[in-house]
Structures are given as C-alpha cells and as structure tokens.
Amino acid sequence: MQVFLISYDISCDSDRNKVYRLLKKTCNHIQKSVFVFEGTEAVLRSIEESIMPKLGEEDSLLIMPCCADCFKKTKFYSKTTEDMVII
C-alpha cells in the first residue's frame, strides 16, 4: 500500500462535485479539495482515469506520492472537522 495526496482545482461546479463524490468513496477527505488515498497504484490509476475526462482547459489535478516515514510526520490542524478525517 502506498499513500498519495490528491488535490484538484476544477472550475465547473457539476464536474467538481462529481470528482468530490468519486474521491469521497475511495479516499480520506482532508480539506475542501484535498484528499489522501491509501492503496495500490492500480486503484489510483483507475481513480485518475475517472477524473481526467472531467478536467477543463484551466483545471488541474495533483497526485503526489508520500513515503510512509514522511506521512507519519504529517500534521493537520483544523477548527472544523465536519466530514473530515484527522491524520
């Protein structure tokens, strides 16, 4: 299993909502458009392939691998944790 940070910036509301719902099923929701995925690269590729068609000209998707040691050092601070997972 690997850990990946996934973040997106999508301007179209309906596409952004679809991506949010897709990631919410398979990832831990950290911030509005930031998720953490723990799993295999095969599942990650499937997620990526589902998101890519929803990206417009000005949109972006970031998928960043996190090594296990670095991920253990992650700090997350929030005054609201509704619907969010604390690392």
N, C-alpha and C. Protein backbone atom coordinates (compact mmCIF):
# COMPACT_ATOMS: atom_id res chain seq x y z
N MET A 1 0.83 -1.19 0.00
CA MET A 1 0.00 0.00 0.00
C MET A 1 0.87 1.25 0.00
N GLN A 2 0.43 2.22 -0.75
CA GLN A 2 1.12 3.49 -0.80
C GLN A 2 0.14 4.60 -0.40
N VAL A 3 0.69 5.75 -0.07
CA VAL A 3 -0.11 6.91 0.32
C VAL A 3 0.10 8.01 -0.71
N PHE A 4 -1.00 8.63 -1.14
CA PHE A 4 -0.93 9.72 -2.12
C PHE A 4 -1.81 10.87 -1.65
N LEU A 5 -1.31 12.07 -1.83
CA LEU A 5 -2.08 13.28 -1.60
C LEU A 5 -2.71 13.65 -2.94
N ILE A 6 -4.00 13.86 -2.95
CA ILE A 6 -4.71 14.23 -4.18
C ILE A 6 -5.40 15.56 -3.96
N SER A 7 -5.18 16.49 -4.88
CA SER A 7 -5.80 17.80 -4.80
C SER A 7 -6.25 18.20 -6.20
N TYR A 8 -7.36 18.92 -6.28
CA TYR A 8 -7.85 19.34 -7.59
C TYR A 8 -8.35 20.77 -7.53
N ASP A 9 -8.36 21.40 -8.68
CA ASP A 9 -8.95 22.73 -8.86
C ASP A 9 -9.77 22.64 -10.13
N ILE A 10 -11.08 22.54 -9.98
CA ILE A 10 -11.97 22.35 -11.13
C ILE A 10 -13.02 23.46 -11.11
N SER A 11 -13.12 24.19 -12.22
CA SER A 11 -13.99 25.37 -12.26
C SER A 11 -15.47 25.03 -12.46
N CYS A 12 -15.78 23.98 -13.18
CA CYS A 12 -17.17 23.61 -13.46
C CYS A 12 -17.77 22.95 -12.22
N ASP A 13 -18.84 23.54 -11.69
CA ASP A 13 -19.46 23.02 -10.47
C ASP A 13 -19.86 21.56 -10.57
N SER A 14 -20.52 21.18 -11.66
CA SER A 14 -21.00 19.80 -11.77
C SER A 14 -19.84 18.80 -11.86
N ASP A 15 -18.79 19.14 -12.61
CA ASP A 15 -17.62 18.26 -12.70
C ASP A 15 -16.89 18.20 -11.36
N ARG A 16 -16.77 19.35 -10.69
CA ARG A 16 -16.11 19.39 -9.39
C ARG A 16 -16.87 18.53 -8.37
N ASN A 17 -18.19 18.59 -8.40
CA ASN A 17 -19.00 17.77 -7.49
C ASN A 17 -18.86 16.28 -7.79
N LYS A 18 -18.77 15.93 -9.06
CA LYS A 18 -18.58 14.52 -9.44
C LYS A 18 -17.23 14.00 -8.93
N VAL A 19 -16.19 14.81 -9.09
CA VAL A 19 -14.86 14.42 -8.62
C VAL A 19 -14.86 14.30 -7.10
N TYR A 20 -15.49 15.23 -6.43
CA TYR A 20 -15.59 15.18 -4.97
C TYR A 20 -16.25 13.87 -4.52
N ARG A 21 -17.39 13.54 -5.12
CA ARG A 21 -18.11 12.32 -4.74
C ARG A 21 -17.29 11.07 -5.03
N LEU A 22 -16.60 11.05 -6.15
CA LEU A 22 -15.75 9.91 -6.50
C LEU A 22 -14.64 9.73 -5.46
N LEU A 23 -13.95 10.81 -5.14
CA LEU A 23 -12.84 10.72 -4.18
C LEU A 23 -13.35 10.42 -2.78
N LYS A 24 -14.51 10.93 -2.42
CA LYS A 24 -15.08 10.70 -1.09
C LYS A 24 -15.31 9.20 -0.84
N LYS A 25 -15.59 8.44 -1.92
CA LYS A 25 -15.82 7.00 -1.81
C LYS A 25 -14.53 6.21 -1.54
N THR A 26 -13.41 6.72 -2.04
CA THR A 26 -12.17 5.93 -2.02
C THR A 26 -11.03 6.54 -1.21
N CYS A 27 -11.21 7.76 -0.74
CA CYS A 27 -10.11 8.48 -0.09
C CYS A 27 -10.58 9.11 1.23
N ASN A 28 -9.63 9.57 2.00
CA ASN A 28 -9.92 10.33 3.21
C ASN A 28 -9.96 11.81 2.85
N HIS A 29 -11.07 12.46 3.19
CA HIS A 29 -11.26 13.88 2.88
C HIS A 29 -10.53 14.71 3.94
N ILE A 30 -9.61 15.56 3.52
CA ILE A 30 -8.79 16.35 4.43
C ILE A 30 -9.22 17.82 4.42
N GLN A 31 -9.34 18.40 3.24
CA GLN A 31 -9.80 19.78 3.09
C GLN A 31 -10.75 19.82 1.90
N LYS A 32 -11.29 20.98 1.58
CA LYS A 32 -12.32 21.07 0.54
C LYS A 32 -11.98 20.27 -0.72
N SER A 33 -10.83 20.46 -1.28
CA SER A 33 -10.46 19.73 -2.50
C SER A 33 -9.15 18.96 -2.31
N VAL A 34 -8.93 18.49 -1.11
CA VAL A 34 -7.71 17.74 -0.79
C VAL A 34 -8.09 16.43 -0.12
N PHE A 35 -7.52 15.35 -0.64
CA PHE A 35 -7.81 14.02 -0.15
C PHE A 35 -6.50 13.25 0.03
N VAL A 36 -6.56 12.21 0.86
CA VAL A 36 -5.44 11.28 1.00
C VAL A 36 -5.95 9.91 0.58
N PHE A 37 -5.23 9.28 -0.33
CA PHE A 37 -5.57 7.94 -0.79
C PHE A 37 -4.52 6.96 -0.29
N GLU A 38 -4.96 5.88 0.32
CA GLU A 38 -4.07 4.79 0.72
C GLU A 38 -4.51 3.56 -0.04
N GLY A 39 -3.64 3.04 -0.89
CA GLY A 39 -4.00 1.87 -1.67
C GLY A 39 -2.95 1.55 -2.70
N THR A 40 -3.36 0.77 -3.67
CA THR A 40 -2.43 0.32 -4.70
C THR A 40 -2.39 1.32 -5.85
N GLU A 41 -1.31 1.25 -6.61
CA GLU A 41 -1.20 2.13 -7.78
C GLU A 41 -2.25 1.78 -8.83
N ALA A 42 -2.67 0.52 -8.89
CA ALA A 42 -3.70 0.12 -9.85
C ALA A 42 -5.01 0.83 -9.56
N VAL A 43 -5.40 0.89 -8.29
CA VAL A 43 -6.63 1.59 -7.91
C VAL A 43 -6.46 3.08 -8.15
N LEU A 44 -5.30 3.61 -7.83
CA LEU A 44 -5.03 5.03 -8.07
C LEU A 44 -5.16 5.37 -9.55
N ARG A 45 -4.62 4.51 -10.42
CA ARG A 45 -4.75 4.73 -11.87
C ARG A 45 -6.21 4.77 -12.29
N SER A 46 -7.01 3.90 -11.71
CA SER A 46 -8.44 3.88 -12.02
C SER A 46 -9.11 5.18 -11.61
N ILE A 47 -8.77 5.67 -10.42
CA ILE A 47 -9.30 6.96 -9.95
C ILE A 47 -8.88 8.08 -10.89
N GLU A 48 -7.60 8.09 -11.23
CA GLU A 48 -7.06 9.12 -12.13
C GLU A 48 -7.77 9.10 -13.48
N GLU A 49 -7.99 7.90 -14.03
CA GLU A 49 -8.67 7.77 -15.33
C GLU A 49 -10.12 8.25 -15.25
N SER A 50 -10.72 8.14 -14.09
CA SER A 50 -12.10 8.62 -13.92
C SER A 50 -12.15 10.14 -13.83
N ILE A 51 -11.11 10.74 -13.27
CA ILE A 51 -11.09 12.19 -13.07
C ILE A 51 -10.67 12.95 -14.32
N MET A 52 -9.69 12.44 -15.03
CA MET A 52 -9.10 13.18 -16.16
C MET A 52 -10.11 13.71 -17.17
N PRO A 53 -11.13 12.94 -17.57
CA PRO A 53 -12.09 13.48 -18.55
C PRO A 53 -12.91 14.66 -18.02
N LYS A 54 -12.93 14.85 -16.72
CA LYS A 54 -13.72 15.93 -16.12
C LYS A 54 -12.93 17.24 -16.01
N LEU A 55 -11.65 17.21 -16.35
CA LEU A 55 -10.82 18.41 -16.27
C LEU A 55 -10.97 19.27 -17.51
N GLY A 56 -11.22 20.56 -17.29
CA GLY A 56 -11.30 21.51 -18.38
C GLY A 56 -9.94 22.13 -18.66
N GLU A 57 -9.91 23.07 -19.58
CA GLU A 57 -8.66 23.74 -20.00
C GLU A 57 -7.90 24.36 -18.84
N GLU A 58 -8.59 25.00 -17.93
CA GLU A 58 -7.95 25.73 -16.84
C GLU A 58 -7.86 24.94 -15.54
N ASP A 59 -8.35 23.69 -15.54
CA ASP A 59 -8.41 22.89 -14.33
C ASP A 59 -7.09 22.16 -14.07
N SER A 60 -6.94 21.66 -12.84
CA SER A 60 -5.71 20.94 -12.52
C SER A 60 -5.99 19.82 -11.52
N LEU A 61 -5.12 18.83 -11.55
CA LEU A 61 -5.18 17.69 -10.65
C LEU A 61 -3.76 17.41 -10.17
N LEU A 62 -3.59 17.30 -8.88
CA LEU A 62 -2.28 16.99 -8.29
C LEU A 62 -2.38 15.64 -7.59
N ILE A 63 -1.50 14.72 -7.94
CA ILE A 63 -1.40 13.43 -7.25
C ILE A 63 0.06 13.29 -6.83
N MET A 64 0.27 13.36 -5.52
CA MET A 64 1.63 13.38 -5.00
C MET A 64 1.86 12.18 -4.08
N PRO A 65 2.86 11.35 -4.39
CA PRO A 65 3.16 10.23 -3.50
C PRO A 65 3.78 10.73 -2.20
N CYS A 66 3.48 10.04 -1.13
CA CYS A 66 4.04 10.36 0.18
C CYS A 66 4.69 9.09 0.72
N CYS A 67 5.97 9.15 1.04
CA CYS A 67 6.61 7.97 1.63
C CYS A 67 6.03 7.76 3.03
N ALA A 68 6.06 6.52 3.49
CA ALA A 68 5.45 6.17 4.78
C ALA A 68 6.06 6.99 5.92
N ASP A 69 7.37 7.16 5.93
CA ASP A 69 8.01 7.92 7.00
C ASP A 69 7.57 9.38 7.00
N CYS A 70 7.51 9.97 5.82
CA CYS A 70 7.08 11.37 5.72
C CYS A 70 5.61 11.51 6.11
N PHE A 71 4.78 10.56 5.70
CA PHE A 71 3.36 10.63 6.01
C PHE A 71 3.11 10.55 7.51
N LYS A 72 3.91 9.77 8.22
CA LYS A 72 3.77 9.65 9.67
C LYS A 72 4.04 10.98 10.37
N LYS A 73 4.80 11.86 9.72
CA LYS A 73 5.15 13.16 10.31
C LYS A 73 4.13 14.25 9.95
N THR A 74 3.09 13.88 9.20
CA THR A 74 2.09 14.85 8.77
C THR A 74 1.37 15.46 9.96
N LYS A 75 1.16 16.76 9.90
CA LYS A 75 0.38 17.46 10.93
C LYS A 75 -0.81 18.11 10.24
N PHE A 76 -1.95 17.99 10.86
CA PHE A 76 -3.17 18.57 10.31
C PHE A 76 -3.87 19.34 11.41
N TYR A 77 -4.18 20.60 11.14
CA TYR A 77 -4.86 21.44 12.12
C TYR A 77 -6.13 21.99 11.48
N SER A 78 -7.22 21.94 12.22
CA SER A 78 -8.47 22.49 11.72
C SER A 78 -9.38 22.80 12.89
N LYS A 79 -10.09 23.90 12.79
CA LYS A 79 -11.06 24.23 13.83
C LYS A 79 -12.38 23.51 13.56
N THR A 80 -12.59 23.14 12.30
CA THR A 80 -13.78 22.36 11.94
C THR A 80 -13.33 21.04 11.36
N THR A 81 -13.92 19.99 11.83
CA THR A 81 -13.54 18.67 11.32
C THR A 81 -14.74 17.92 10.77
N GLU A 82 -15.82 18.65 10.52
CA GLU A 82 -17.02 18.02 9.98
C GLU A 82 -16.72 17.34 8.65
N ASP A 83 -17.06 16.07 8.53
CA ASP A 83 -16.84 15.28 7.32
C ASP A 83 -15.38 15.12 6.96
N MET A 84 -14.47 15.39 7.85
CA MET A 84 -13.06 15.29 7.53
C MET A 84 -12.36 14.32 8.47
N VAL A 85 -11.34 13.71 7.96
CA VAL A 85 -10.58 12.73 8.74
C VAL A 85 -9.33 13.40 9.27
N ILE A 86 -9.08 13.25 10.55
CA ILE A 86 -7.85 13.80 11.14
C ILE A 86 -6.74 12.77 10.97
N ILE A 87 -5.64 13.22 10.48
CA ILE A 87 -4.48 12.34 10.26
C ILE A 87 -3.77 12.13 11.57
